[in-house]
Amino acid sequence: MTQYLLSVHMVEGQPEPSPEEIQQMYKDVDVVNDEIRQAGAWVFAGGLHPATTATTVRVQDGDVITTDGPFAETKEQLGGFWVIKAPDLDAALAWAAKATKACRAPVEVRPFQDDVE
């Protein structure tokens, strides 16, 4: 089976959901997580702190440089992800449809280059 990355994208500057909405989102994501596990498609998942907490590490002129903040200078940042196993893209897209409803954010689906079991 192919592994797919389902990445959740957050857009900076959007209105913050209410505490009640956030709690419901967590519950909805827990339901999706349980469904993925029960289906045997679960590999790994995690939510991320805001992009402002990122540190970027790069090599420049042979020196390792670290800078505060995300690598990409954009309002759209990675907010969390799932790594799942699915027989094909259609199955991965079906999981992404459930995921986007649960977390109320866009979910991008990308296959990994190599099958990893």
Protein backbone atom coordinates (compact mmCIF):
# COMPACT_ATOMS: atom_id res chain seq x y z
CA MET A 1 0.00 0.00 0.00
CA THR A 2 1.15 3.52 -0.70
CA GLN A 3 1.65 5.99 2.10
CA TYR A 4 0.11 9.43 1.71
CA LEU A 5 0.68 12.70 3.51
CA LEU A 6 -2.54 14.51 4.37
CA SER A 7 -1.31 17.98 5.31
CA VAL A 8 -3.54 20.51 7.04
CA HIS A 9 -2.98 24.10 5.99
CA MET A 10 -3.73 27.02 8.25
CA VAL A 11 -4.10 30.58 6.97
CA GLU A 12 -2.67 33.27 9.23
CA GLY A 13 -4.94 36.20 9.89
CA GLN A 14 -8.19 34.25 9.71
CA PRO A 15 -10.57 34.83 12.62
CA GLU A 16 -9.85 32.54 15.56
CA PRO A 17 -12.57 29.97 16.24
CA SER A 18 -14.30 30.19 19.60
CA PRO A 19 -13.11 27.90 22.41
CA GLU A 20 -16.28 25.84 21.91
CA GLU A 21 -15.56 25.46 18.18
CA ILE A 22 -11.98 24.44 18.91
CA GLN A 23 -13.14 21.77 21.37
CA GLN A 24 -15.61 20.44 18.79
CA MET A 25 -12.85 20.36 16.16
CA TYR A 26 -10.66 18.30 18.52
CA LYS A 27 -13.52 15.88 19.09
CA ASP A 28 -14.22 15.61 15.36
CA VAL A 29 -10.53 14.97 14.60
CA ASP A 30 -10.45 12.30 17.32
CA VAL A 31 -13.35 10.55 15.56
CA VAL A 32 -11.51 10.63 12.22
CA ASN A 33 -8.33 9.40 13.91
CA ASP A 34 -10.24 6.47 15.40
CA GLU A 35 -11.77 5.63 12.00
CA ILE A 36 -8.36 5.69 10.32
CA ARG A 37 -6.93 3.42 13.04
CA GLN A 38 -9.85 0.97 12.85
CA ALA A 39 -9.47 0.78 9.08
CA GLY A 40 -5.78 -0.11 9.44
CA ALA A 41 -4.73 3.00 7.49
CA TRP A 42 -3.04 4.79 10.42
CA VAL A 43 0.70 5.42 10.31
CA PHE A 44 1.22 8.68 12.22
CA ALA A 45 -0.35 12.09 12.79
CA GLY A 46 0.35 15.28 14.64
CA GLY A 47 -0.65 18.88 15.08
CA LEU A 48 1.94 21.63 14.98
CA HIS A 49 2.46 24.81 16.96
CA PRO A 50 2.08 28.03 14.92
CA ALA A 51 4.64 28.73 12.20
CA THR A 52 6.00 31.59 14.30
CA THR A 53 7.61 28.95 16.56
CA ALA A 54 9.63 27.48 13.68
CA THR A 55 13.40 27.67 13.26
CA THR A 56 14.89 27.26 9.81
CA VAL A 57 18.31 25.62 9.43
CA ARG A 58 20.28 25.97 6.19
CA VAL A 59 23.83 25.91 4.82
CA GLN A 60 25.11 29.18 3.43
CA ASP A 61 28.71 29.47 2.13
CA GLY A 62 29.60 26.32 4.06
CA ASP A 63 28.23 27.62 7.36
CA VAL A 64 25.12 26.32 9.11
CA ILE A 65 22.75 29.22 9.71
CA THR A 66 19.62 29.17 11.88
CA THR A 67 16.90 31.79 11.61
CA ASP A 68 13.71 32.27 13.58
CA GLY A 69 10.46 31.69 11.78
CA PRO A 70 9.18 29.48 8.99
CA PHE A 71 11.09 28.83 5.79
CA ALA A 72 8.27 29.99 3.52
CA GLU A 73 7.22 33.61 3.76
CA THR A 74 3.52 33.10 3.23
CA LYS A 75 0.25 33.34 5.14
CA GLU A 76 -0.51 29.67 4.46
CA GLN A 77 1.47 27.36 6.72
CA LEU A 78 1.43 23.69 7.67
CA GLY A 79 -0.72 23.24 10.77
CA GLY A 80 -0.70 19.47 11.15
CA PHE A 81 -0.71 16.24 9.22
CA TRP A 82 -1.58 12.59 8.92
CA VAL A 83 0.53 9.89 7.32
CA ILE A 84 -1.79 7.11 6.17
CA LYS A 85 -1.67 3.91 4.13
CA ALA A 86 -4.17 3.67 1.30
CA PRO A 87 -4.57 1.36 -1.70
CA ASP A 88 -4.88 4.29 -4.11
CA LEU A 89 -5.37 8.05 -4.45
CA ASP A 90 -9.16 7.78 -4.34
CA ALA A 91 -9.01 6.10 -0.93
CA ALA A 92 -6.57 8.76 0.33
CA LEU A 93 -8.89 11.49 -0.96
CA ALA A 94 -11.80 9.92 0.89
CA TRP A 95 -9.81 10.14 4.16
CA ALA A 96 -8.87 13.74 3.31
CA ALA A 97 -12.55 14.60 2.83
CA LYS A 98 -13.27 13.39 6.37
CA ALA A 99 -10.17 15.16 7.68
CA THR A 100 -10.99 18.54 6.14
CA LYS A 101 -14.50 18.44 7.60
CA ALA A 102 -13.14 17.53 11.04
CA CYS A 103 -10.35 20.10 11.25
CA ARG A 104 -12.15 22.77 9.22
CA ALA A 105 -9.09 23.58 7.14
CA PRO A 106 -7.78 22.66 3.69
CA VAL A 107 -6.06 19.26 3.47
CA GLU A 108 -3.53 18.53 0.73
CA VAL A 109 -2.94 14.91 -0.30
CA ARG A 110 0.47 13.78 -1.58
CA PRO A 111 1.87 10.28 -2.06
CA PHE A 112 5.30 9.40 -0.72
CA GLN A 113 7.90 8.57 -3.37
CA ASP A 114 8.55 5.06 -2.11
CA ASP A 115 6.26 2.51 -0.51
CA VAL A 116 7.27 2.04 3.10
CA GLU A 117 5.76 -0.79 5.08
